[in-house]
Each structure stands twice: as C-alpha cells, then as structure tokens.
Amino acid sequence: MQPDFGCDVHRLVFEAITDDNVANIKGSITNAVKTWLPYLNILDVKITKDEDHNTVYAVVNFGLTNNPTVTDTVTLKF
C-alpha cells in the first residue's frame, strides 16, 4: 500500500490556471499541511503563473503553531 503523504496538486498540473484551480491548489496545500504537519500554521499561499515557461509557483508562508513568532516561506514550482 502506498502512503498518502503529500497533497494532490499533481492532478492539476495539465489544467488551465483558472480562479477555481488556484483556489483548489491553495486548498490542497492547506489541507495537506493540516493533515501531515499539524505543528505548522499556514499564514498565506500565493499562486503565480509563468505562462512563458508553463510553470506555476506556490509561495507558502507559514509559522509554528506553538511559537507564532517563528515564520518561514517556501516556494513550490509545478
């Protein structure tokens, strides 16, 4: 059996980047963090697209739930 770790944004890789799909990407990332990394608090998720390179970026700003002053940002490239 395969583990379920991660999120399901891979299902949107070849989809057009519409407002609905941006919301789906944000929701997928947020739900995965809540499930697998409950000690993190998502502060913001920004989705940008680079149509010239067929690339989508998700910039995730997060903090620790037990120490909100500790924050960081990670950029995901699809």
N, C-alpha and C. Protein backbone atom coordinates (compact mmCIF):
# COMPACT_ATOMS: atom_id res chain seq x y z
N MET A 1 0.85 -1.19 0.00
CA MET A 1 0.00 0.00 0.00
C MET A 1 0.89 1.24 0.00
N GLN A 2 0.55 2.22 -0.83
CA GLN A 2 1.30 3.45 -0.92
C GLN A 2 0.89 4.40 0.20
N PRO A 3 1.84 5.14 0.75
CA PRO A 3 1.47 6.14 1.77
C PRO A 3 0.70 7.29 1.13
N ASP A 4 -0.07 7.99 1.93
CA ASP A 4 -0.89 9.11 1.45
C ASP A 4 -0.22 10.45 1.67
N PHE A 5 1.03 10.45 2.13
CA PHE A 5 1.72 11.69 2.45
C PHE A 5 1.78 12.61 1.25
N GLY A 6 1.56 13.89 1.45
CA GLY A 6 1.64 14.87 0.38
C GLY A 6 0.29 15.47 0.08
N CYS A 7 0.21 16.14 -1.05
CA CYS A 7 -1.06 16.73 -1.47
C CYS A 7 -1.33 16.35 -2.92
N ASP A 8 -2.51 16.66 -3.37
CA ASP A 8 -2.92 16.17 -4.69
C ASP A 8 -2.87 17.23 -5.79
N VAL A 9 -1.94 18.18 -5.69
CA VAL A 9 -1.86 19.20 -6.74
C VAL A 9 -1.41 18.62 -8.07
N HIS A 10 -0.84 17.43 -8.06
CA HIS A 10 -0.41 16.80 -9.31
C HIS A 10 -1.58 16.61 -10.28
N ARG A 11 -2.80 16.50 -9.76
CA ARG A 11 -3.96 16.31 -10.63
C ARG A 11 -4.29 17.57 -11.42
N LEU A 12 -3.70 18.71 -11.04
CA LEU A 12 -3.97 19.98 -11.71
C LEU A 12 -2.83 20.42 -12.63
N VAL A 13 -1.80 19.62 -12.75
CA VAL A 13 -0.60 20.02 -13.49
C VAL A 13 -0.91 20.42 -14.93
N PHE A 14 -1.77 19.70 -15.60
CA PHE A 14 -2.04 19.98 -17.01
C PHE A 14 -3.35 20.74 -17.22
N GLU A 15 -3.90 21.28 -16.14
CA GLU A 15 -5.14 22.04 -16.22
C GLU A 15 -4.84 23.53 -16.43
N ALA A 16 -5.79 24.24 -17.01
CA ALA A 16 -5.66 25.69 -17.15
C ALA A 16 -5.69 26.32 -15.76
N ILE A 17 -4.94 27.38 -15.60
CA ILE A 17 -4.91 28.04 -14.30
C ILE A 17 -6.04 29.07 -14.24
N THR A 18 -7.16 28.61 -13.75
CA THR A 18 -8.34 29.45 -13.57
C THR A 18 -8.42 29.85 -12.10
N ASP A 19 -9.32 30.76 -11.79
CA ASP A 19 -9.53 31.15 -10.39
C ASP A 19 -9.91 29.94 -9.54
N ASP A 20 -10.74 29.06 -10.10
CA ASP A 20 -11.14 27.85 -9.37
C ASP A 20 -9.94 26.94 -9.10
N ASN A 21 -9.08 26.77 -10.09
CA ASN A 21 -7.92 25.90 -9.90
C ASN A 21 -6.90 26.51 -8.94
N VAL A 22 -6.78 27.83 -8.94
CA VAL A 22 -5.92 28.49 -7.95
C VAL A 22 -6.45 28.21 -6.55
N ALA A 23 -7.75 28.32 -6.38
CA ALA A 23 -8.37 28.01 -5.08
C ALA A 23 -8.16 26.54 -4.72
N ASN A 24 -8.24 25.64 -5.71
CA ASN A 24 -8.02 24.22 -5.45
C ASN A 24 -6.57 23.94 -5.03
N ILE A 25 -5.61 24.62 -5.66
CA ILE A 25 -4.21 24.45 -5.28
C ILE A 25 -3.99 24.93 -3.85
N LYS A 26 -4.50 26.11 -3.54
CA LYS A 26 -4.37 26.64 -2.18
C LYS A 26 -5.00 25.69 -1.16
N GLY A 27 -6.19 25.22 -1.47
CA GLY A 27 -6.88 24.30 -0.56
C GLY A 27 -6.14 23.00 -0.38
N SER A 28 -5.60 22.47 -1.46
CA SER A 28 -4.87 21.21 -1.40
C SER A 28 -3.62 21.34 -0.52
N ILE A 29 -2.90 22.43 -0.70
CA ILE A 29 -1.70 22.66 0.12
C ILE A 29 -2.08 22.84 1.58
N THR A 30 -3.08 23.66 1.83
CA THR A 30 -3.52 23.93 3.21
C THR A 30 -4.00 22.65 3.90
N ASN A 31 -4.80 21.85 3.21
CA ASN A 31 -5.30 20.61 3.80
C ASN A 31 -4.19 19.61 4.08
N ALA A 32 -3.22 19.52 3.17
CA ALA A 32 -2.09 18.59 3.38
C ALA A 32 -1.27 19.01 4.59
N VAL A 33 -1.04 20.30 4.74
CA VAL A 33 -0.27 20.76 5.90
C VAL A 33 -1.03 20.47 7.19
N LYS A 34 -2.33 20.72 7.20
CA LYS A 34 -3.14 20.42 8.39
C LYS A 34 -3.10 18.94 8.74
N THR A 35 -3.09 18.10 7.72
CA THR A 35 -3.11 16.65 7.94
C THR A 35 -1.75 16.12 8.37
N TRP A 36 -0.69 16.51 7.65
CA TRP A 36 0.62 15.89 7.83
C TRP A 36 1.58 16.70 8.69
N LEU A 37 1.36 17.99 8.79
CA LEU A 37 2.26 18.85 9.56
C LEU A 37 1.44 19.76 10.49
N PRO A 38 0.71 19.17 11.43
CA PRO A 38 -0.22 19.96 12.25
C PRO A 38 0.48 20.99 13.14
N TYR A 39 1.78 20.91 13.28
CA TYR A 39 2.51 21.87 14.09
C TYR A 39 2.83 23.16 13.30
N LEU A 40 2.42 23.19 12.02
CA LEU A 40 2.58 24.39 11.21
C LEU A 40 1.25 25.09 11.01
N ASN A 41 1.30 26.40 10.90
CA ASN A 41 0.12 27.21 10.64
C ASN A 41 0.35 27.96 9.34
N ILE A 42 -0.49 27.71 8.34
CA ILE A 42 -0.36 28.40 7.07
C ILE A 42 -0.83 29.85 7.25
N LEU A 43 0.05 30.80 6.96
CA LEU A 43 -0.30 32.21 7.07
C LEU A 43 -0.81 32.77 5.74
N ASP A 44 -0.24 32.26 4.64
CA ASP A 44 -0.64 32.75 3.33
C ASP A 44 -0.14 31.79 2.25
N VAL A 45 -0.91 31.66 1.19
CA VAL A 45 -0.49 30.90 0.00
C VAL A 45 -0.77 31.79 -1.20
N LYS A 46 0.28 32.12 -1.95
CA LYS A 46 0.12 32.93 -3.15
C LYS A 46 0.50 32.09 -4.36
N ILE A 47 -0.37 32.08 -5.34
CA ILE A 47 -0.15 31.32 -6.57
C ILE A 47 0.14 32.31 -7.69
N THR A 48 1.23 32.08 -8.41
CA THR A 48 1.55 32.87 -9.59
C THR A 48 1.87 31.92 -10.72
N LYS A 49 1.68 32.41 -11.94
CA LYS A 49 1.96 31.56 -13.09
C LYS A 49 2.93 32.25 -14.04
N ASP A 50 3.74 31.46 -14.66
CA ASP A 50 4.68 31.92 -15.68
C ASP A 50 4.29 31.18 -16.96
N GLU A 51 3.41 31.81 -17.73
CA GLU A 51 2.88 31.16 -18.93
C GLU A 51 3.95 30.90 -19.97
N ASP A 52 4.98 31.75 -20.02
CA ASP A 52 6.06 31.55 -20.99
C ASP A 52 6.82 30.25 -20.76
N HIS A 53 6.85 29.80 -19.51
CA HIS A 53 7.58 28.57 -19.17
C HIS A 53 6.65 27.46 -18.69
N ASN A 54 5.34 27.66 -18.85
CA ASN A 54 4.35 26.67 -18.40
C ASN A 54 4.59 26.24 -16.96
N THR A 55 4.78 27.22 -16.10
CA THR A 55 5.14 26.94 -14.71
C THR A 55 4.18 27.68 -13.78
N VAL A 56 3.86 27.04 -12.68
CA VAL A 56 3.06 27.65 -11.62
C VAL A 56 3.90 27.62 -10.34
N TYR A 57 3.88 28.73 -9.62
CA TYR A 57 4.59 28.82 -8.34
C TYR A 57 3.58 28.99 -7.22
N ALA A 58 3.83 28.29 -6.14
CA ALA A 58 3.05 28.48 -4.92
C ALA A 58 4.01 28.93 -3.84
N VAL A 59 3.81 30.13 -3.35
CA VAL A 59 4.64 30.67 -2.27
C VAL A 59 3.84 30.51 -0.98
N VAL A 60 4.35 29.68 -0.09
CA VAL A 60 3.64 29.35 1.15
C VAL A 60 4.38 29.99 2.32
N ASN A 61 3.68 30.86 3.02
CA ASN A 61 4.21 31.50 4.22
C ASN A 61 3.58 30.78 5.41
N PHE A 62 4.40 30.32 6.33
CA PHE A 62 3.88 29.54 7.45
C PHE A 62 4.62 29.87 8.73
N GLY A 63 4.03 29.47 9.83
CA GLY A 63 4.63 29.65 11.15
C GLY A 63 4.40 28.42 11.99
N LEU A 64 5.04 28.41 13.15
CA LEU A 64 4.84 27.31 14.10
C LEU A 64 3.61 27.60 14.95
N THR A 65 2.78 26.59 15.16
CA THR A 65 1.57 26.81 15.95
C THR A 65 1.90 27.11 17.41
N ASN A 66 2.98 26.52 17.92
CA ASN A 66 3.31 26.74 19.33
C ASN A 66 4.23 27.94 19.54
N ASN A 67 4.70 28.57 18.46
CA ASN A 67 5.53 29.77 18.55
C ASN A 67 5.30 30.62 17.31
N PRO A 68 4.24 31.42 17.31
CA PRO A 68 3.85 32.18 16.11
C PRO A 68 4.89 33.19 15.63
N THR A 69 5.87 33.50 16.45
CA THR A 69 6.90 34.45 16.02
C THR A 69 7.91 33.81 15.07
N VAL A 70 7.93 32.49 15.01
CA VAL A 70 8.83 31.78 14.09
C VAL A 70 8.06 31.53 12.81
N THR A 71 8.50 32.18 11.71
CA THR A 71 7.84 32.01 10.42
C THR A 71 8.89 31.75 9.34
N ASP A 72 8.43 31.23 8.23
CA ASP A 72 9.31 30.98 7.10
C ASP A 72 8.45 30.92 5.84
N THR A 73 9.11 30.87 4.71
CA THR A 73 8.42 30.82 3.43
C THR A 73 9.08 29.75 2.56
N VAL A 74 8.27 29.02 1.83
CA VAL A 74 8.78 28.04 0.88
C VAL A 74 8.08 28.29 -0.45
N THR A 75 8.85 28.13 -1.53
CA THR A 75 8.29 28.28 -2.87
C THR A 75 8.26 26.93 -3.57
N LEU A 76 7.09 26.53 -4.03
CA LEU A 76 6.91 25.28 -4.74
C LEU A 76 6.74 25.59 -6.21
N LYS A 77 7.39 24.83 -7.06
CA LYS A 77 7.33 25.04 -8.51
C LYS A 77 6.68 23.82 -9.13
N PHE A 78 5.65 24.06 -9.96
CA PHE A 78 4.94 22.99 -10.64
C PHE A 78 5.13 23.13 -12.13
